[in-house]
Amino acid sequence: MLFLTYWELNEETSRVQRMQAGQKLLQTGLFPPAGINIIRWDATVDGWGILVAEAEDFTAINRALDAWRIAVPGMFTVTRTAPAQPVQEVMASTAEFMQKMAAVTG
């Protein structure tokens, strides 16, 4: 399943602490955790970014975010994670559903 996470960094957390934690998480294999395939992981100059990942389930994607939350408490001011799907697939699925609904509702 595809998941999209939007995140914002807390500027009051130490950049050095975030960098050191990131290096440890990556070197030890704690990030990304088993069951996660990172497709994109982008950051902006304003301290926010996105993570697009394939994960088997809620537990796997939750573990990915928790690794950072545990390594650097208070690191994020905002995270938003949800299942996602390419727009072309959403449009096709919606069109199919609309046809079914039209048949039922007249």
N, C-alpha and C. Protein backbone atom coordinates (compact mmCIF):
# COMPACT_ATOMS: atom_id res chain seq x y z
N MET A 1 0.84 -1.17 0.00
CA MET A 1 0.00 0.00 0.00
C MET A 1 0.89 1.24 0.00
N LEU A 2 0.47 2.25 -0.74
CA LEU A 2 1.21 3.49 -0.84
C LEU A 2 0.75 4.45 0.25
N PHE A 3 1.71 5.11 0.92
CA PHE A 3 1.41 6.10 1.95
C PHE A 3 2.15 7.39 1.63
N LEU A 4 1.51 8.51 1.91
CA LEU A 4 2.12 9.82 1.76
C LEU A 4 2.14 10.48 3.13
N THR A 5 3.32 10.97 3.52
CA THR A 5 3.46 11.69 4.78
C THR A 5 3.96 13.10 4.49
N TYR A 6 3.27 14.08 5.06
CA TYR A 6 3.71 15.47 5.05
C TYR A 6 4.24 15.75 6.45
N TRP A 7 5.40 16.38 6.56
CA TRP A 7 5.97 16.67 7.88
C TRP A 7 6.54 18.08 7.93
N GLU A 8 6.53 18.63 9.15
CA GLU A 8 7.16 19.92 9.42
C GLU A 8 8.09 19.75 10.61
N LEU A 9 9.31 20.25 10.47
CA LEU A 9 10.28 20.17 11.55
C LEU A 9 10.04 21.26 12.58
N ASN A 10 10.35 20.93 13.82
CA ASN A 10 10.34 21.88 14.91
C ASN A 10 11.70 22.59 14.91
N GLU A 11 11.71 23.87 14.62
CA GLU A 11 12.98 24.61 14.53
C GLU A 11 13.67 24.74 15.88
N GLU A 12 12.97 24.40 16.95
CA GLU A 12 13.58 24.47 18.28
C GLU A 12 14.37 23.20 18.62
N THR A 13 14.26 22.16 17.78
CA THR A 13 15.11 20.99 17.99
C THR A 13 16.45 21.24 17.32
N SER A 14 17.47 20.68 17.88
CA SER A 14 18.82 20.90 17.41
C SER A 14 19.05 20.24 16.05
N ARG A 15 19.57 21.03 15.13
CA ARG A 15 19.92 20.49 13.80
C ARG A 15 20.98 19.41 13.94
N VAL A 16 21.94 19.61 14.83
CA VAL A 16 23.00 18.63 15.08
C VAL A 16 22.38 17.33 15.59
N GLN A 17 21.46 17.43 16.54
CA GLN A 17 20.80 16.24 17.08
C GLN A 17 20.04 15.49 15.99
N ARG A 18 19.34 16.24 15.13
CA ARG A 18 18.59 15.59 14.03
C ARG A 18 19.54 14.89 13.07
N MET A 19 20.65 15.53 12.72
CA MET A 19 21.61 14.95 11.80
C MET A 19 22.26 13.70 12.40
N GLN A 20 22.66 13.76 13.65
CA GLN A 20 23.28 12.60 14.30
C GLN A 20 22.29 11.45 14.41
N ALA A 21 21.07 11.75 14.78
CA ALA A 21 20.05 10.70 14.88
C ALA A 21 19.79 10.08 13.51
N GLY A 22 19.70 10.92 12.48
CA GLY A 22 19.48 10.42 11.13
C GLY A 22 20.58 9.49 10.67
N GLN A 23 21.83 9.86 10.95
CA GLN A 23 22.95 9.00 10.57
C GLN A 23 22.87 7.66 11.29
N LYS A 24 22.55 7.67 12.57
CA LYS A 24 22.44 6.42 13.33
C LYS A 24 21.28 5.57 12.83
N LEU A 25 20.14 6.19 12.58
CA LEU A 25 18.98 5.43 12.10
C LEU A 25 19.27 4.77 10.77
N LEU A 26 19.93 5.50 9.86
CA LEU A 26 20.25 4.95 8.55
C LEU A 26 21.33 3.88 8.63
N GLN A 27 22.37 4.12 9.42
CA GLN A 27 23.47 3.17 9.53
C GLN A 27 23.05 1.86 10.20
N THR A 28 22.15 1.94 11.15
CA THR A 28 21.74 0.73 11.88
C THR A 28 20.58 0.01 11.20
N GLY A 29 20.01 0.62 10.15
CA GLY A 29 18.89 0.00 9.46
C GLY A 29 17.56 0.18 10.17
N LEU A 30 17.52 1.05 11.19
CA LEU A 30 16.25 1.31 11.87
C LEU A 30 15.33 2.19 11.02
N PHE A 31 15.93 2.90 10.05
CA PHE A 31 15.14 3.66 9.09
C PHE A 31 15.76 3.46 7.72
N PRO A 32 15.00 3.07 6.76
CA PRO A 32 13.61 2.65 6.89
C PRO A 32 13.52 1.27 7.53
N PRO A 33 12.47 1.05 8.31
CA PRO A 33 12.32 -0.26 8.94
C PRO A 33 11.90 -1.33 7.93
N ALA A 34 11.98 -2.57 8.36
CA ALA A 34 11.55 -3.68 7.50
C ALA A 34 10.09 -3.45 7.08
N GLY A 35 9.79 -3.81 5.85
CA GLY A 35 8.43 -3.67 5.35
C GLY A 35 8.14 -2.31 4.73
N ILE A 36 9.17 -1.46 4.62
CA ILE A 36 8.99 -0.12 4.04
C ILE A 36 9.90 0.02 2.82
N ASN A 37 9.33 0.50 1.73
CA ASN A 37 10.09 0.84 0.54
C ASN A 37 9.89 2.33 0.30
N ILE A 38 10.95 3.12 0.47
CA ILE A 38 10.84 4.56 0.27
C ILE A 38 10.92 4.86 -1.21
N ILE A 39 9.92 5.56 -1.70
CA ILE A 39 9.87 5.97 -3.10
C ILE A 39 10.45 7.37 -3.25
N ARG A 40 10.06 8.27 -2.38
CA ARG A 40 10.61 9.64 -2.34
C ARG A 40 10.69 10.09 -0.90
N TRP A 41 11.70 10.90 -0.62
CA TRP A 41 11.88 11.47 0.71
C TRP A 41 12.50 12.84 0.47
N ASP A 42 11.67 13.86 0.50
CA ASP A 42 12.11 15.19 0.11
C ASP A 42 11.97 16.19 1.26
N ALA A 43 12.90 17.13 1.30
CA ALA A 43 12.88 18.20 2.28
C ALA A 43 12.95 19.54 1.55
N THR A 44 12.41 20.58 2.17
CA THR A 44 12.46 21.92 1.60
C THR A 44 13.36 22.80 2.45
N VAL A 45 13.70 23.96 1.91
CA VAL A 45 14.53 24.91 2.66
C VAL A 45 13.80 25.48 3.86
N ASP A 46 12.49 25.36 3.89
CA ASP A 46 11.68 25.89 4.99
C ASP A 46 11.41 24.88 6.09
N GLY A 47 12.07 23.71 6.06
CA GLY A 47 11.94 22.75 7.14
C GLY A 47 10.68 21.91 7.12
N TRP A 48 10.12 21.68 5.95
CA TRP A 48 9.02 20.74 5.82
C TRP A 48 9.33 19.85 4.62
N GLY A 49 8.60 18.75 4.54
CA GLY A 49 8.86 17.83 3.43
C GLY A 49 7.81 16.75 3.33
N ILE A 50 8.11 15.79 2.47
CA ILE A 50 7.20 14.66 2.25
C ILE A 50 7.99 13.36 2.24
N LEU A 51 7.27 12.31 2.56
CA LEU A 51 7.79 10.95 2.43
C LEU A 51 6.73 10.17 1.68
N VAL A 52 7.10 9.56 0.58
CA VAL A 52 6.21 8.66 -0.16
C VAL A 52 6.81 7.28 -0.02
N ALA A 53 6.04 6.36 0.53
CA ALA A 53 6.58 5.02 0.80
C ALA A 53 5.53 3.95 0.57
N GLU A 54 6.01 2.79 0.20
CA GLU A 54 5.15 1.61 0.16
C GLU A 54 5.35 0.89 1.48
N ALA A 55 4.25 0.50 2.09
CA ALA A 55 4.32 -0.21 3.36
C ALA A 55 3.27 -1.31 3.36
N GLU A 56 3.57 -2.36 4.07
CA GLU A 56 2.64 -3.49 4.13
C GLU A 56 1.37 -3.13 4.88
N ASP A 57 1.49 -2.28 5.89
CA ASP A 57 0.33 -1.97 6.72
C ASP A 57 0.61 -0.77 7.62
N PHE A 58 -0.35 -0.43 8.45
CA PHE A 58 -0.24 0.68 9.39
C PHE A 58 0.98 0.55 10.27
N THR A 59 1.22 -0.65 10.80
CA THR A 59 2.32 -0.86 11.74
C THR A 59 3.66 -0.50 11.12
N ALA A 60 3.87 -0.88 9.89
CA ALA A 60 5.16 -0.61 9.24
C ALA A 60 5.37 0.89 9.05
N ILE A 61 4.37 1.61 8.56
CA ILE A 61 4.54 3.05 8.33
C ILE A 61 4.63 3.78 9.66
N ASN A 62 3.90 3.32 10.66
CA ASN A 62 3.97 3.92 11.99
C ASN A 62 5.37 3.75 12.58
N ARG A 63 5.96 2.59 12.38
CA ARG A 63 7.31 2.32 12.88
C ARG A 63 8.32 3.28 12.24
N ALA A 64 8.14 3.59 10.97
CA ALA A 64 9.05 4.51 10.28
C ALA A 64 9.03 5.89 10.94
N LEU A 65 7.84 6.40 11.23
CA LEU A 65 7.74 7.71 11.87
C LEU A 65 8.17 7.66 13.32
N ASP A 66 7.82 6.59 14.01
CA ASP A 66 8.21 6.47 15.42
C ASP A 66 9.72 6.41 15.60
N ALA A 67 10.44 5.87 14.63
CA ALA A 67 11.90 5.83 14.74
C ALA A 67 12.44 7.24 14.93
N TRP A 68 11.92 8.18 14.14
CA TRP A 68 12.36 9.57 14.25
C TRP A 68 11.85 10.22 15.53
N ARG A 69 10.59 9.95 15.87
CA ARG A 69 10.01 10.55 17.07
C ARG A 69 10.74 10.12 18.34
N ILE A 70 11.17 8.87 18.37
CA ILE A 70 11.88 8.35 19.55
C ILE A 70 13.32 8.87 19.56
N ALA A 71 13.95 8.91 18.38
CA ALA A 71 15.35 9.35 18.30
C ALA A 71 15.50 10.84 18.65
N VAL A 72 14.51 11.64 18.23
CA VAL A 72 14.56 13.09 18.48
C VAL A 72 13.18 13.55 18.95
N PRO A 73 12.89 13.40 20.23
CA PRO A 73 11.58 13.82 20.73
C PRO A 73 11.31 15.29 20.40
N GLY A 74 10.11 15.58 19.93
CA GLY A 74 9.74 16.94 19.58
C GLY A 74 10.24 17.40 18.23
N MET A 75 10.79 16.50 17.44
CA MET A 75 11.38 16.86 16.15
C MET A 75 10.35 17.44 15.17
N PHE A 76 9.14 16.91 15.20
CA PHE A 76 8.10 17.36 14.27
C PHE A 76 7.09 18.25 14.99
N THR A 77 6.65 19.28 14.29
CA THR A 77 5.51 20.05 14.79
C THR A 77 4.22 19.51 14.18
N VAL A 78 4.34 18.94 12.98
CA VAL A 78 3.18 18.40 12.27
C VAL A 78 3.62 17.19 11.47
N THR A 79 2.82 16.14 11.51
CA THR A 79 2.92 15.05 10.54
C THR A 79 1.50 14.69 10.12
N ARG A 80 1.35 14.41 8.86
CA ARG A 80 0.07 13.96 8.31
C ARG A 80 0.38 12.79 7.40
N THR A 81 -0.19 11.63 7.70
CA THR A 81 0.05 10.43 6.91
C THR A 81 -1.28 9.83 6.49
N ALA A 82 -1.35 9.41 5.24
CA ALA A 82 -2.57 8.79 4.73
C ALA A 82 -2.22 7.85 3.58
N PRO A 83 -3.08 6.85 3.38
CA PRO A 83 -2.90 6.02 2.19
C PRO A 83 -3.05 6.92 0.95
N ALA A 84 -2.35 6.59 -0.10
CA ALA A 84 -2.39 7.40 -1.32
C ALA A 84 -2.45 6.50 -2.54
N GLN A 85 -2.82 7.10 -3.67
CA GLN A 85 -2.92 6.37 -4.92
C GLN A 85 -2.65 7.35 -6.06
N PRO A 86 -2.00 6.92 -7.13
CA PRO A 86 -1.79 7.82 -8.26
C PRO A 86 -3.13 8.38 -8.77
N VAL A 87 -3.12 9.65 -9.16
CA VAL A 87 -4.35 10.34 -9.56
C VAL A 87 -5.06 9.61 -10.70
N GLN A 88 -4.30 9.08 -11.66
CA GLN A 88 -4.94 8.38 -12.78
C GLN A 88 -5.76 7.20 -12.28
N GLU A 89 -5.26 6.49 -11.29
CA GLU A 89 -5.99 5.36 -10.73
C GLU A 89 -7.22 5.82 -9.96
N VAL A 90 -7.08 6.93 -9.24
CA VAL A 90 -8.23 7.49 -8.50
C VAL A 90 -9.32 7.89 -9.48
N MET A 91 -8.93 8.54 -10.56
CA MET A 91 -9.92 8.98 -11.55
C MET A 91 -10.65 7.79 -12.17
N ALA A 92 -9.92 6.74 -12.52
CA ALA A 92 -10.55 5.55 -13.11
C ALA A 92 -11.49 4.89 -12.13
N SER A 93 -11.05 4.75 -10.89
CA SER A 93 -11.88 4.13 -9.86
C SER A 93 -13.13 4.96 -9.57
N THR A 94 -12.97 6.27 -9.52
CA THR A 94 -14.10 7.16 -9.26
C THR A 94 -15.10 7.11 -10.40
N ALA A 95 -14.61 7.10 -11.64
CA ALA A 95 -15.51 7.02 -12.80
C ALA A 95 -16.31 5.73 -12.76
N GLU A 96 -15.66 4.63 -12.44
CA GLU A 96 -16.35 3.34 -12.34
C GLU A 96 -17.41 3.38 -11.24
N PHE A 97 -17.07 3.95 -10.10
CA PHE A 97 -18.02 4.03 -8.99
C PHE A 97 -19.20 4.94 -9.35
N MET A 98 -18.91 6.04 -10.04
CA MET A 98 -19.99 6.95 -10.44
C MET A 98 -20.97 6.25 -11.38
N GLN A 99 -20.47 5.42 -12.27
CA GLN A 99 -21.35 4.66 -13.16
C GLN A 99 -22.24 3.71 -12.37
N LYS A 100 -21.66 3.03 -11.40
CA LYS A 100 -22.44 2.12 -10.56
C LYS A 100 -23.49 2.87 -9.77
N MET A 101 -23.12 4.01 -9.24
CA MET A 101 -24.07 4.81 -8.47
C MET A 101 -25.20 5.34 -9.36
N ALA A 102 -24.86 5.75 -10.57
CA ALA A 102 -25.88 6.24 -11.51
C ALA A 102 -26.89 5.15 -11.83
N ALA A 103 -26.41 3.91 -11.95
CA ALA A 103 -27.30 2.79 -12.24
C ALA A 103 -28.25 2.54 -11.07
N VAL A 104 -27.80 2.78 -9.88
CA VAL A 104 -28.62 2.54 -8.68
C VAL A 104 -29.55 3.72 -8.38
N THR A 105 -29.03 4.92 -8.54
CA THR A 105 -29.81 6.10 -8.14
C THR A 105 -30.59 6.72 -9.28
N GLY A 106 -30.31 6.29 -10.50
CA GLY A 106 -31.07 6.75 -11.66
C GLY A 106 -30.62 8.05 -12.10
